[in-house]
C-alpha atoms as a PDB file:
ATOM      1  CA  MET A   1       0.000   0.000   0.000  1.00  0.00           C
ATOM      2  CA  SER A   2       1.428   3.366  -0.949  1.00  0.00           C
ATOM      3  CA  LYS A   3       1.542   6.382   1.329  1.00  0.00           C
ATOM      4  CA  LEU A   4      -0.575   9.469   0.796  1.00  0.00           C
ATOM      5  CA  ARG A   5       1.001  12.176  -1.285  1.00  0.00           C
ATOM      6  CA  ALA A   6       2.918  14.617   0.888  1.00  0.00           C
ATOM      7  CA  ASP A   7       0.669  17.597   0.100  1.00  0.00           C
ATOM      8  CA  ILE A   8      -2.492  15.704   1.059  1.00  0.00           C
ATOM      9  CA  TRP A   9      -0.953  14.414   4.311  1.00  0.00           C
ATOM     10  CA  VAL A  10       0.248  17.919   5.212  1.00  0.00           C
ATOM     11  CA  SER A  11      -3.149  19.484   4.461  1.00  0.00           C
ATOM     12  CA  ALA A  12      -4.936  16.934   6.648  1.00  0.00           C
ATOM     13  CA  PHE A  13      -2.458  17.401   9.524  1.00  0.00           C
ATOM     14  CA  VAL A  14      -2.728  21.199   9.422  1.00  0.00           C
ATOM     15  CA  ARG A  15      -6.521  21.134   9.228  1.00  0.00           C
ATOM     16  CA  ARG A  16      -6.823  18.632  12.089  1.00  0.00           C
ATOM     17  CA  HIS A  17      -4.683  20.766  14.399  1.00  0.00           C
ATOM     18  CA  ASN A  18      -6.315  24.053  13.481  1.00  0.00           C
ATOM     19  CA  ASN A  19      -9.729  22.460  14.096  1.00  0.00           C
ATOM     20  CA  VAL A  20      -8.766  21.609  17.696  1.00  0.00           C
ATOM     21  CA  GLY A  21      -7.474  25.119  18.377  1.00  0.00           C
ATOM     22  CA  ASN A  22      -3.747  24.768  17.739  1.00  0.00           C
ATOM     23  CA  PHE A  23      -2.063  27.289  15.465  1.00  0.00           C
ATOM     24  CA  CYS A  24      -0.641  25.186  12.636  1.00  0.00           C
ATOM     25  CA  VAL A  25       0.764  26.361   9.282  1.00  0.00           C
ATOM     26  CA  VAL A  26       2.932  25.170   6.427  1.00  0.00           C
ATOM     27  CA  SER A  27       6.219  27.042   6.839  1.00  0.00           C
ATOM     28  CA  ARG A  28       7.903  25.495   3.827  1.00  0.00           C
ATOM     29  CA  ARG A  29       6.396  23.748   0.821  1.00  0.00           C
ATOM     30  CA  GLY A  30       8.169  20.758  -0.612  1.00  0.00           C
ATOM     31  CA  ASP A  31       7.637  18.220  -3.355  1.00  0.00           C
ATOM     32  CA  VAL A  32       3.906  17.475  -3.574  1.00  0.00           C
ATOM     33  CA  ASP A  33       4.324  13.761  -4.195  1.00  0.00           C
ATOM     34  CA  ALA A  34       7.198  12.545  -2.083  1.00  0.00           C
ATOM     35  CA  GLY A  35       8.733  15.437  -0.148  1.00  0.00           C
ATOM     36  CA  GLN A  36       9.869  14.612   3.355  1.00  0.00           C
ATOM     37  CA  ILE A  37       7.793  16.209   6.111  1.00  0.00           C
ATOM     38  CA  TRP A  38       9.414  17.860   9.116  1.00  0.00           C
ATOM     39  CA  ILE A  39       7.362  19.213  12.029  1.00  0.00           C
ATOM     40  CA  GLU A  40       8.510  21.960  14.381  1.00  0.00           C
ATOM     41  CA  VAL A  41       6.549  22.270  17.605  1.00  0.00           C
ATOM     42  CA  ASP A  42       6.580  25.477  19.643  1.00  0.00           C
ATOM     43  CA  HIS A  43       5.593  24.406  23.159  1.00  0.00           C
ATOM     44  CA  LEU A  44       4.696  28.023  24.069  1.00  0.00           C
ATOM     45  CA  ASN A  45       7.191  27.998  26.936  1.00  0.00           C
ATOM     46  CA  GLY A  46      10.348  29.024  25.072  1.00  0.00           C
ATOM     47  CA  LYS A  47      11.165  25.460  24.024  1.00  0.00           C
ATOM     48  CA  VAL A  48      10.805  23.975  20.541  1.00  0.00           C
ATOM     49  CA  SER A  49      10.896  20.363  19.358  1.00  0.00           C
ATOM     50  CA  LEU A  50      11.589  19.032  15.881  1.00  0.00           C
ATOM     51  CA  PHE A  51      10.324  15.815  14.320  1.00  0.00           C
ATOM     52  CA  SER A  52      11.712  14.392  11.084  1.00  0.00           C
ATOM     53  CA  PRO A  53      10.857  11.287   9.072  1.00  0.00           C
ATOM     54  CA  ALA A  54      12.027   8.055  10.636  1.00  0.00           C
ATOM     55  CA  PRO A  55      14.011   5.591   8.538  1.00  0.00           C
ATOM     56  CA  THR A  56      11.681   3.639   6.271  1.00  0.00           C
ATOM     57  CA  ASN A  57      10.113   0.615   7.895  1.00  0.00           C
ATOM     58  CA  PRO A  58       8.531  -1.803   5.383  1.00  0.00           C
ATOM     59  CA  ASP A  59       6.137  -3.103   8.084  1.00  0.00           C
ATOM     60  CA  VAL A  60       4.541   0.323   8.577  1.00  0.00           C
ATOM     61  CA  SER A  61       2.135   1.729   5.982  1.00  0.00           C
ATOM     62  CA  ASP A  62       1.773   5.189   7.560  1.00  0.00           C
ATOM     63  CA  ARG A  63       4.394   7.896   7.925  1.00  0.00           C
ATOM     64  CA  GLU A  64       6.611   7.475  10.973  1.00  0.00           C
ATOM     65  CA  PHE A  65       8.541  10.257  12.656  1.00  0.00           C
ATOM     66  CA  MET A  66      11.430  10.485  15.057  1.00  0.00           C
ATOM     67  CA  ARG A  67      12.334  13.200  17.539  1.00  0.00           C
ATOM     68  CA  ARG A  68      15.258  15.118  16.106  1.00  0.00           C
ATOM     69  CA  ILE A  69      15.298  17.809  18.832  1.00  0.00           C
ATOM     70  CA  GLU A  70      13.267  17.603  22.018  1.00  0.00           C
ATOM     71  CA  ALA A  71      12.538  20.817  23.928  1.00  0.00           C
ATOM     72  CA  GLY A  72      15.470  22.700  22.411  1.00  0.00           C
ATOM     73  CA  THR A  73      15.893  26.350  21.592  1.00  0.00           C
ATOM     74  CA  PRO A  74      14.298  28.007  18.558  1.00  0.00           C
ATOM     75  CA  THR A  75      17.823  28.660  17.255  1.00  0.00           C
ATOM     76  CA  ASP A  76      18.711  24.941  17.433  1.00  0.00           C
ATOM     77  CA  VAL A  77      15.634  24.054  15.415  1.00  0.00           C
ATOM     78  CA  ARG A  78      16.162  26.801  12.808  1.00  0.00           C
ATOM     79  CA  GLU A  79      19.785  25.757  12.310  1.00  0.00           C
ATOM     80  CA  ARG A  80      18.791  22.101  11.835  1.00  0.00           C
ATOM     81  CA  ILE A  81      16.099  23.045   9.304  1.00  0.00           C
ATOM     82  CA  GLU A  82      18.577  25.244   7.395  1.00  0.00           C
ATOM     83  CA  LYS A  83      21.069  22.377   7.341  1.00  0.00           C
ATOM     84  CA  GLU A  84      18.417  20.085   5.877  1.00  0.00           C
ATOM     85  CA  ALA A  85      17.507  22.712   3.242  1.00  0.00           C
ATOM     86  CA  ASP A  86      21.120  22.689   2.046  1.00  0.00           C
ATOM     87  CA  PHE A  87      20.920  18.916   1.640  1.00  0.00           C
ATOM     88  CA  ASP A  88      17.327  18.451   0.378  1.00  0.00           C
ATOM     89  CA  PRO A  89      15.440  21.509  -0.891  1.00  0.00           C
ATOM     90  CA  ASP A  90      12.218  19.525  -1.536  1.00  0.00           C
ATOM     91  CA  PHE A  91      11.129  18.919   2.056  1.00  0.00           C
ATOM     92  CA  TRP A  92       8.108  20.328   3.889  1.00  0.00           C
ATOM     93  CA  VAL A  93       8.070  22.072   7.267  1.00  0.00           C
ATOM     94  CA  ILE A  94       4.917  22.275   9.338  1.00  0.00           C
ATOM     95  CA  SER A  95       4.965  24.698  12.281  1.00  0.00           C
ATOM     96  CA  ILE A  96       2.595  24.142  15.167  1.00  0.00           C
ATOM     97  CA  GLU A  97       2.055  25.961  18.456  1.00  0.00           C
ATOM     98  CA  THR A  98       0.640  23.760  21.193  1.00  0.00           C
ATOM     99  CA  ARG A  99       1.093  22.911  24.842  1.00  0.00           C
ATOM    100  CA  ASP A 100      -0.240  19.397  24.170  1.00  0.00           C
ATOM    101  CA  ASP A 101       2.372  16.656  23.762  1.00  0.00           C
ATOM    102  CA  GLU A 102       0.061  14.438  21.706  1.00  0.00           C
ATOM    103  CA  LEU A 103       0.410  15.435  18.061  1.00  0.00           C
ATOM    104  CA  GLY A 104      -1.217  12.392  16.491  1.00  0.00           C
ATOM    105  CA  LEU A 105       2.059  11.220  14.941  1.00  0.00           C
ATOM    106  CA  ALA A 106       3.400   7.703  14.665  1.00  0.00           C
ATOM    107  CA  ILE A 107       6.705   7.961  16.554  1.00  0.00           C
ATOM    108  CA  SER A 108       9.398   5.430  15.695  1.00  0.00           C
ATOM    109  CA  ASP A 109      11.097   3.393  18.389  1.00  0.00           C
ATOM    110  CA  LEU A 110      14.388   4.582  16.874  1.00  0.00           C
ATOM    111  CA  SER A 111      13.931   8.084  18.275  1.00  0.00           C
END
């Protein structure tokens, strides 16, 4: 079974979070079909986390993420996103502001 196109997955994620009262936007548009999706989470307490795609697992049909930065500084997250942009310009970034730790993501055990 193939994964949803990146643009459809991103649209659904953003809509779901905005519907529950979180501020959620697309900060960077990537390849509509297969762009990687990165998620930066502003915890509204001065700390920011960053999730990136987990290594591909053939047993999982949905997108899996891993914690790249947990409760770091905004500067740490920006620098990591800029580093990724130098390597892969076709990735997406979703920015969300929430105090809730449950984002509705499948988190890999590798994180």
